[in-house]
């Protein structure tokens, strides 16, 4: 009979194996068992009886150890080079943390990141300050939970970014889905998908208010029954400068609290265009969210277009282009314009975690635009870059392959 090689085990496990098969210990166990039986049934086990018991016990331990050893990535997370995780302060040039499960964390300069808990099924950490991008390996065994002060981000596999200031937090998703929870999150929880973002502030979100009450307090209550009263509320450009300043403050606070319908009422379409002319990237995303989430997707086009045309060097510009492409395709029914936005996302250097979705939606946009030749070319480009990609079956279905 062929003898199987004895597995090499860590020293503590080998010590445990010797304890299990210890002759004296087993004799003691047999004596206790024998003493509990009626005298007529008592017998002293022989050495021949001890051997199979010891072998079975040893085999059980070996099986447990072998199973644990074969389980992929069963222990707590550590760095890819084997070092344990610890709190880190990113230098001015930033740093990347490659994890043992294939995930990656990119910390911008000055960011501080600290792991709190790690197990075979979960990983909990805190971003204490600064900005970080998390590229979590899809299909991994752990559920990631990142504490960011004003909210908690829960994810299994995706790419998202957290920008944490002293009283502000912005979470944006490039690929996949995350769940954002916290007291400052509208309804205490919000699901974000690729192309979406959420901004929270330290102050408690205000209760929904009518924008006309804001205008009344700033400019004086209008005369009862005044003509065009409703138009004055919607066309914020027509109100007096003090009231306009009040409306500007109102939309920001309302948007941060998740009250996008009221925020849009504070601005109207003219107000969104006016604010977009002088807003930075963060406010442009916020204006786009106000328009889109209040049911006015057409008014979100301007802010997103400004990001990709005037802030091309910003790392969020490809995300804005992708969001614009999805908006044109899904909400506005403009596939030709969606093609332009999605091509722009690629030319702006969409990150690898976003490119597969961009290329897949580009095929869909070409198909809906009626350009079969371009759709075939886009599908071939997808297959070359992502052979066996998760959208391949859907693309082939669209093209009738």
Protein backbone atom coordinates (compact mmCIF):
# COMPACT_ATOMS: atom_id res chain seq x y z
CA UNK A 1 0.00 0.00 0.00
CA UNK A 2 1.34 3.42 -0.94
CA UNK A 3 2.13 5.53 2.09
CA UNK A 4 0.86 9.09 1.89
CA UNK A 5 3.36 11.79 2.81
CA UNK A 6 2.89 13.34 6.23
CA UNK A 7 1.75 16.98 5.93
CA UNK A 8 4.11 19.58 7.35
CA UNK A 9 2.19 21.55 9.94
CA UNK A 10 3.00 24.59 12.05
CA UNK A 11 4.59 23.74 15.38
CA UNK A 12 1.54 24.54 17.56
CA UNK A 13 -0.61 22.19 15.45
CA UNK A 14 1.97 19.42 15.71
CA UNK A 15 2.02 19.88 19.47
CA UNK A 16 -1.75 19.52 19.50
CA UNK A 17 -1.49 16.33 17.47
CA UNK A 18 0.93 14.82 19.96
CA UNK A 19 -1.42 15.72 22.79
CA UNK A 20 -4.33 13.99 21.07
CA UNK A 21 -2.45 10.73 20.61
CA UNK A 22 -0.72 10.81 23.99
CA UNK A 23 -0.87 7.30 25.46
CA UNK A 24 -1.27 8.42 29.06
CA UNK A 25 -4.09 10.85 28.21
CA UNK A 26 -6.01 8.22 26.27
CA UNK A 27 -5.58 5.67 29.04
CA UNK A 28 -7.05 8.21 31.47
CA UNK A 29 -10.06 8.78 29.17
CA UNK A 30 -10.66 5.03 28.89
CA UNK A 31 -10.52 4.60 32.66
CA UNK A 32 -13.21 7.27 33.10
CA UNK A 33 -15.42 5.61 30.49
CA UNK A 34 -14.86 2.18 32.00
CA UNK A 35 -15.72 3.46 35.48
CA UNK A 36 -19.08 4.75 34.27
CA UNK A 37 -20.13 1.34 32.93
CA UNK A 38 -21.66 -1.57 34.90
CA UNK A 39 -18.96 -3.90 36.14
CA UNK A 40 -20.06 -6.71 33.85
CA UNK A 41 -19.45 -4.55 30.83
CA UNK A 42 -16.15 -3.06 31.89
CA UNK A 43 -12.99 -3.93 30.04
CA UNK A 44 -9.63 -2.36 29.72
CA UNK A 45 -8.88 -1.23 26.15
CA UNK A 46 -5.82 -2.72 24.62
CA UNK A 47 -3.10 -0.95 22.75
CA UNK A 48 -4.65 -2.24 19.53
CA UNK A 49 -7.81 -0.34 20.37
CA UNK A 50 -5.93 2.86 21.15
CA UNK A 51 -4.19 3.04 17.82
CA UNK A 52 -7.27 3.56 15.64
CA UNK A 53 -8.65 6.11 18.11
CA UNK A 54 -5.42 8.08 17.98
CA UNK A 55 -5.31 7.79 14.21
CA UNK A 56 -8.88 9.01 13.88
CA UNK A 57 -8.25 11.93 16.21
CA UNK A 58 -5.09 12.85 14.35
CA UNK A 59 -6.85 12.55 11.00
CA UNK A 60 -9.61 14.85 12.20
CA UNK A 61 -7.15 17.53 13.22
CA UNK A 62 -5.21 17.14 9.98
CA UNK A 63 -8.46 17.47 8.02
CA UNK A 64 -9.37 20.66 9.87
CA UNK A 65 -5.93 22.13 9.37
CA UNK A 66 -5.81 21.15 5.73
CA UNK A 67 -9.25 22.62 5.10
CA UNK A 68 -8.21 25.88 6.72
CA UNK A 69 -4.96 25.96 4.81
CA UNK A 70 -6.68 25.36 1.49
CA UNK A 71 -9.32 28.01 2.07
CA UNK A 72 -8.24 30.95 -0.04
CA UNK A 73 -7.52 34.16 1.84
CA UNK A 74 -9.14 32.80 5.00
CA UNK A 75 -7.32 34.98 7.50
CA UNK A 76 -7.46 38.71 8.20
CA UNK A 77 -6.40 41.13 5.50
CA UNK A 78 -2.78 42.19 5.28
CA UNK A 79 -0.63 44.00 2.78
CA UNK A 80 0.25 42.20 -0.44
CA UNK A 81 3.88 41.85 0.68
CA UNK A 82 2.82 40.07 3.87
CA UNK A 83 3.14 42.95 6.31
CA UNK A 84 0.28 43.51 8.77
CA UNK A 85 -2.06 46.45 8.31
CA UNK A 86 -1.62 49.48 10.55
CA UNK A 87 -2.63 53.14 10.67
CA UNK A 88 -0.90 55.22 7.99
CA UNK A 89 -0.47 58.93 7.29
CA UNK A 90 0.00 59.47 3.57
CA UNK A 91 3.00 61.63 2.56
CA UNK A 92 2.53 64.75 0.42
CA UNK A 93 2.83 62.77 -2.81
CA UNK A 94 0.20 60.24 -1.65
CA UNK A 95 0.56 56.47 -1.43
CA UNK A 96 -1.09 53.22 -2.49
CA UNK A 97 -1.85 50.22 -0.29
CA UNK A 98 -2.01 46.90 -2.14
CA UNK A 99 -3.99 44.35 -0.14
CA UNK A 100 -3.62 40.60 0.10
CA UNK A 101 -7.05 40.03 -1.49
CA UNK A 102 -6.16 42.01 -4.62
CA UNK A 103 -7.87 45.23 -3.52
CA UNK A 104 -6.11 48.60 -3.56
CA UNK A 105 -6.44 51.81 -1.57
CA UNK A 106 -5.04 55.06 -2.95
CA UNK A 107 -4.50 57.73 -0.28
CA UNK A 108 -4.01 61.34 -1.34
CA UNK A 109 -1.39 63.48 0.39
CA UNK A 110 -2.20 64.14 4.05
CA UNK A 111 -4.88 61.46 4.32
CA UNK A 112 -4.94 59.27 7.41
CA UNK A 113 -6.31 55.72 7.21
CA UNK A 114 -6.61 53.24 10.06
CA UNK A 115 -7.87 49.62 9.99
CA UNK A 116 -10.19 48.82 12.87
CA UNK A 117 -11.18 45.18 12.40
CA UNK A 118 -10.37 42.40 9.96
CA UNK A 119 -11.71 38.86 9.71
CA UNK A 120 -12.29 36.26 6.98
CA UNK A 121 -15.70 37.81 6.29
CA UNK A 122 -15.38 41.54 7.03
CA UNK A 123 -12.98 44.47 6.99
CA UNK A 124 -13.69 47.69 8.89
CA UNK A 125 -11.51 50.79 8.66
CA UNK A 126 -11.75 54.54 9.14
CA UNK A 127 -10.70 57.39 6.90
CA UNK A 128 -9.90 59.93 9.58
CA UNK A 129 -9.10 62.77 7.18
CA UNK A 130 -8.32 63.55 3.56
CA UNK A 131 -9.20 61.79 0.32
CA UNK A 132 -8.97 58.12 -0.60
CA UNK A 133 -10.01 55.95 -3.53
CA UNK A 134 -10.99 52.36 -2.75
CA UNK A 135 -10.77 49.68 -5.43
CA UNK A 136 -12.30 46.64 -3.72
CA UNK A 137 -11.88 43.33 -5.54
CA UNK A 138 -15.31 42.07 -6.67
CA UNK A 139 -16.33 38.66 -5.44
CA UNK A 140 -14.02 38.76 -2.44
CA UNK A 141 -14.97 36.99 0.80
CA UNK A 142 -15.20 40.14 2.90
CA UNK A 143 -17.73 42.92 3.23
CA UNK A 144 -15.86 46.20 3.48
CA UNK A 145 -17.10 48.94 5.78
CA UNK A 146 -15.33 52.30 5.65
CA UNK A 147 -16.14 54.82 8.38
CA UNK A 148 -15.86 58.39 7.07
CA UNK A 149 -17.14 60.42 10.00
CA UNK A 150 -20.43 61.73 8.61
CA UNK A 151 -21.34 58.41 7.01
CA UNK A 152 -20.41 54.75 6.65
CA UNK A 153 -19.82 53.22 3.21
CA UNK A 154 -20.58 49.50 2.85
CA UNK A 155 -19.39 47.56 -0.18
CA UNK A 156 -18.44 44.07 -1.39
CA UNK A 157 -16.66 44.89 -4.64
CA UNK A 158 -16.48 48.24 -6.41
CA UNK A 159 -14.46 51.40 -6.88
CA UNK A 160 -15.45 54.52 -4.96
CA UNK A 161 -13.84 57.62 -3.49
CA UNK A 162 -14.29 59.45 -0.19
CA UNK A 163 -13.26 63.08 0.26
CA UNK A 164 -13.46 64.01 3.94
CA UNK A 165 -13.06 67.56 5.22
CA UNK A 166 -13.51 68.98 8.69
CA UNK A 167 -17.28 69.38 8.28
CA UNK A 168 -17.98 67.80 4.90
CA UNK A 169 -17.91 64.40 3.21
CA UNK A 170 -18.34 63.50 -0.45
CA UNK A 171 -18.74 59.90 -1.65
CA UNK A 172 -18.61 59.19 -5.39
CA UNK A 173 -18.86 55.83 -7.15
CA UNK A 174 -16.95 54.99 -10.32
CA UNK A 175 -17.98 51.35 -10.64
CA UNK A 176 -20.33 48.97 -8.89
CA UNK A 177 -22.70 49.82 -6.03
CA UNK A 178 -22.22 51.11 -2.48
CA UNK A 179 -24.57 51.71 0.42
CA UNK A 180 -24.01 54.95 2.35
CA UNK A 181 -25.47 55.10 5.86
CA UNK A 182 -25.49 57.85 8.46
CA UNK A 183 -27.48 60.51 10.29
CA UNK A 184 -26.61 63.08 7.61
CA UNK A 185 -27.68 60.79 4.75
CA UNK A 186 -31.20 61.43 3.39
CA UNK A 187 -33.52 58.81 4.93
CA UNK A 188 -30.39 57.56 6.80
CA UNK A 189 -29.37 55.36 3.83
CA UNK A 190 -28.69 55.92 0.15
CA UNK A 191 -27.72 53.44 -2.57
CA UNK A 192 -25.21 54.86 -5.04
CA UNK A 193 -24.35 53.33 -8.41
CA UNK A 194 -21.64 54.16 -10.95
CA UNK A 195 -21.72 57.82 -11.88
CA UNK A 196 -23.57 58.94 -8.75
CA UNK A 197 -22.29 60.88 -5.76
CA UNK A 198 -23.53 62.15 -2.41
CA UNK A 199 -22.34 65.07 -0.30
CA UNK A 200 -22.96 65.49 3.43
CA UNK A 201 -22.22 68.31 5.86
CA UNK A 202 -21.86 68.42 9.63
CA UNK A 203 -24.90 70.62 10.23
CA UNK A 204 -28.20 68.82 10.66
CA UNK A 205 -30.15 68.77 7.39
CA UNK A 206 -32.94 71.37 7.37
CA UNK A 207 -36.58 70.46 7.23
CA UNK A 208 -38.24 70.84 3.84
CA UNK A 209 -39.32 74.46 3.39
CA UNK A 210 -41.13 76.42 0.74
CA UNK A 211 -38.76 78.67 -1.14
CA UNK A 212 -41.34 81.47 -1.16
CA UNK A 213 -41.00 81.66 2.63
CA UNK A 214 -37.27 82.18 2.21
CA UNK A 215 -37.90 84.94 -0.31
CA UNK A 216 -40.55 86.51 1.94
CA UNK A 217 -38.16 86.69 4.88
CA UNK A 218 -35.42 88.24 2.77
CA UNK A 219 -37.39 90.71 0.63
CA UNK A 220 -40.64 91.22 2.53
CA UNK A 221 -43.89 89.37 2.05
CA UNK A 222 -45.58 90.10 -1.28
CA UNK A 223 -48.93 91.77 -1.39
CA UNK A 224 -51.78 89.30 -1.14
CA UNK A 225 -53.11 88.39 -4.55
CA UNK A 226 -50.14 89.92 -6.39
CA UNK A 227 -50.05 88.84 -10.06
CA UNK A 228 -47.51 86.24 -11.27
CA UNK A 229 -46.79 85.23 -7.70
CA UNK A 230 -45.86 81.66 -8.67
CA UNK A 231 -43.67 82.84 -11.54
CA UNK A 232 -41.73 85.02 -9.13
CA UNK A 233 -40.88 81.97 -7.06
CA UNK A 234 -39.72 79.87 -10.02
CA UNK A 235 -37.86 82.63 -11.89
CA UNK A 236 -35.33 83.47 -9.19
CA UNK A 237 -33.51 85.76 -11.59
CA UNK A 238 -36.40 88.25 -11.26
CA UNK A 239 -36.26 88.62 -7.49
CA UNK A 240 -34.32 91.31 -5.65
CA UNK A 241 -30.59 90.80 -4.84
CA UNK A 242 -31.15 90.12 -1.09
CA UNK A 243 -33.76 87.50 -1.91
CA UNK A 244 -31.49 85.96 -4.55
CA UNK A 245 -28.75 85.58 -1.95
CA UNK A 246 -31.23 83.92 0.40
CA UNK A 247 -32.34 81.55 -2.38
CA UNK A 248 -28.71 80.67 -3.14
CA UNK A 249 -28.12 79.73 0.49
CA UNK A 250 -31.37 77.80 0.57
CA UNK A 251 -30.59 75.56 -2.41
CA UNK A 252 -27.22 74.56 -0.98
CA UNK A 253 -28.64 73.60 2.41
CA UNK A 254 -31.61 71.84 0.88
CA UNK A 255 -29.44 69.87 -1.54
CA UNK A 256 -27.08 68.80 1.21
CA UNK A 257 -30.06 67.55 3.18
CA UNK A 258 -31.33 65.54 0.21
CA UNK A 259 -34.31 67.83 -0.47
CA UNK A 260 -33.67 68.12 -4.21
CA UNK A 261 -37.19 69.11 -5.21
CA UNK A 262 -37.15 72.07 -2.82
CA UNK A 263 -33.61 72.94 -3.91
CA UNK A 264 -34.73 73.06 -7.54
CA UNK A 265 -37.64 75.29 -6.55
CA UNK A 266 -35.13 77.63 -4.94
CA UNK A 267 -33.22 77.94 -8.21
CA UNK A 268 -35.40 77.02 -11.13
CA UNK A 269 -33.77 76.42 -14.49
CA UNK A 270 -32.40 79.99 -14.72
CA UNK A 271 -30.87 79.69 -11.27
CA UNK A 272 -29.12 76.43 -12.14
CA UNK A 273 -27.66 78.03 -15.26
CA UNK A 274 -26.57 81.07 -13.27
CA UNK A 275 -24.93 79.06 -10.49
CA UNK A 276 -23.21 76.72 -12.96
CA UNK A 277 -21.38 79.64 -14.58
CA UNK A 278 -19.33 80.28 -11.44
CA UNK A 279 -19.39 76.95 -9.61
CA UNK A 280 -16.49 74.59 -8.97
CA UNK A 281 -16.54 70.85 -9.61
CA UNK A 282 -18.19 69.99 -6.28
CA UNK A 283 -21.04 72.47 -6.76
CA UNK A 284 -21.46 71.49 -10.41
CA UNK A 285 -22.03 67.88 -9.36
CA UNK A 286 -24.46 69.12 -6.70
CA UNK A 287 -26.38 71.21 -9.24
CA UNK A 288 -26.59 68.23 -11.58
CA UNK A 289 -27.94 66.10 -8.74
CA UNK A 290 -30.52 68.77 -7.84
CA UNK A 291 -31.80 68.83 -11.41
CA UNK A 292 -31.68 65.09 -12.04
CA UNK A 293 -33.14 63.94 -8.71
CA UNK A 294 -35.93 66.54 -8.78
CA UNK A 295 -37.16 65.23 -12.13
CA UNK A 296 -35.50 67.81 -14.41
CA UNK A 297 -32.77 65.79 -16.17
CA UNK A 298 -32.41 68.33 -18.97
CA UNK A 299 -31.16 70.92 -16.49
CA UNK A 300 -28.41 68.53 -15.32
CA UNK A 301 -26.75 68.60 -18.74
CA UNK A 302 -25.27 72.10 -18.32
CA UNK A 303 -23.40 71.49 -15.03
CA UNK A 304 -22.00 68.14 -16.20
CA UNK A 305 -20.95 69.63 -19.53
CA UNK A 306 -19.08 72.41 -17.74
CA UNK A 307 -17.11 69.86 -15.71
CA UNK A 308 -15.90 67.99 -18.79
CA UNK A 309 -15.20 71.13 -20.81
CA UNK A 310 -13.73 73.47 -18.18
CA UNK A 311 -12.23 71.08 -15.63
CA UNK A 312 -10.64 68.45 -17.86
CA UNK A 313 -7.69 67.95 -15.50
CA UNK A 314 -9.90 67.14 -12.53
CA UNK A 315 -9.87 63.40 -11.76
CA UNK A 316 -13.68 63.44 -11.58
CA UNK A 317 -14.08 64.74 -15.15
CA UNK A 318 -14.33 61.20 -16.65
CA UNK A 319 -16.99 60.39 -14.04
CA UNK A 320 -18.96 63.50 -15.09
CA UNK A 321 -18.73 62.48 -18.75
CA UNK A 322 -19.98 58.99 -17.94
CA UNK A 323 -22.84 60.44 -15.88
CA UNK A 324 -23.75 62.72 -18.79
CA UNK A 325 -23.71 59.79 -21.21
CA UNK A 326 -26.05 57.78 -18.98
CA UNK A 327 -28.32 60.80 -18.56
CA UNK A 328 -28.58 61.37 -22.31
CA UNK A 329 -29.16 57.69 -22.99
CA UNK A 330 -31.51 56.71 -20.16
CA UNK A 331 -33.41 59.89 -19.27
CA UNK A 332 -33.33 62.17 -22.30
CA UNK A 333 -33.47 59.65 -25.15
CA UNK A 334 -30.57 61.27 -27.00
CA UNK A 335 -28.29 58.36 -28.01
CA UNK A 336 -26.18 60.47 -30.41
CA UNK A 337 -25.37 62.90 -27.61
CA UNK A 338 -24.74 59.94 -25.30
CA UNK A 339 -22.17 58.64 -27.80
CA UNK A 340 -20.33 61.97 -27.66
CA UNK A 341 -20.29 62.02 -23.84
CA UNK A 342 -19.15 58.40 -23.52
CA UNK A 343 -16.39 58.88 -26.08
CA UNK A 344 -15.37 61.93 -24.06
CA UNK A 345 -15.18 59.80 -20.91
CA UNK A 346 -12.70 57.51 -22.66
CA UNK A 347 -10.62 60.38 -24.03
CA UNK A 348 -10.43 61.98 -20.57
CA UNK A 349 -8.81 58.79 -19.28
CA UNK A 350 -11.63 56.93 -17.56
CA UNK A 351 -10.04 54.72 -14.87
CA UNK A 352 -9.85 50.99 -15.49
CA UNK A 353 -12.62 50.30 -13.00
CA UNK A 354 -14.97 52.52 -15.05
CA UNK A 355 -13.89 51.72 -18.61
CA UNK A 356 -15.77 48.44 -18.98
CA UNK A 357 -19.10 50.11 -18.17
CA UNK A 358 -18.27 53.06 -20.43
CA UNK A 359 -17.47 50.82 -23.40
CA UNK A 360 -20.58 48.68 -22.85
CA UNK A 361 -22.86 51.73 -22.72
CA UNK A 362 -21.12 53.11 -25.82
CA UNK A 363 -22.17 50.02 -27.78
CA UNK A 364 -25.73 50.50 -26.53
CA UNK A 365 -25.70 54.18 -27.53
CA UNK A 366 -24.50 53.41 -31.05
CA UNK A 367 -27.17 50.72 -31.44
CA UNK A 368 -29.94 53.08 -30.30
CA UNK A 369 -28.55 55.81 -32.57
CA UNK A 370 -28.92 53.40 -35.51
CA UNK A 371 -25.21 53.28 -36.36
CA UNK A 372 -24.63 49.52 -36.66
CA UNK A 373 -21.14 49.86 -38.12
CA UNK A 374 -19.96 52.01 -35.23
CA UNK A 375 -21.71 49.68 -32.77
CA UNK A 376 -19.83 46.68 -34.19
CA UNK A 377 -16.56 48.59 -33.92
CA UNK A 378 -17.32 49.61 -30.32
CA UNK A 379 -18.21 46.00 -29.47
CA UNK A 380 -14.91 44.79 -30.94
CA UNK A 381 -13.05 47.40 -28.87
CA UNK A 382 -14.86 46.15 -25.75
CA UNK A 383 -13.95 42.51 -26.50
CA UNK A 384 -10.29 43.39 -27.09
CA UNK A 385 -9.98 45.28 -23.83
CA UNK A 386 -12.22 42.99 -21.77
CA UNK A 387 -12.18 39.48 -23.25
CA UNK A 388 -14.82 37.51 -21.42
CA UNK A 389 -16.16 40.71 -19.82
CA UNK A 390 -19.39 40.64 -17.86
CA UNK A 391 -21.26 42.72 -20.49
CA UNK A 392 -20.22 40.56 -23.45
CA UNK A 393 -23.42 38.51 -23.56
CA UNK A 394 -25.62 41.60 -23.46
CA UNK A 395 -23.58 43.27 -26.20
CA UNK A 396 -23.88 40.24 -28.44
CA UNK A 397 -27.63 40.18 -27.84
CA UNK A 398 -27.94 43.83 -28.85
CA UNK A 399 -26.02 43.15 -32.04
CA UNK A 400 -27.91 39.94 -32.82
CA UNK A 401 -24.78 37.83 -32.71
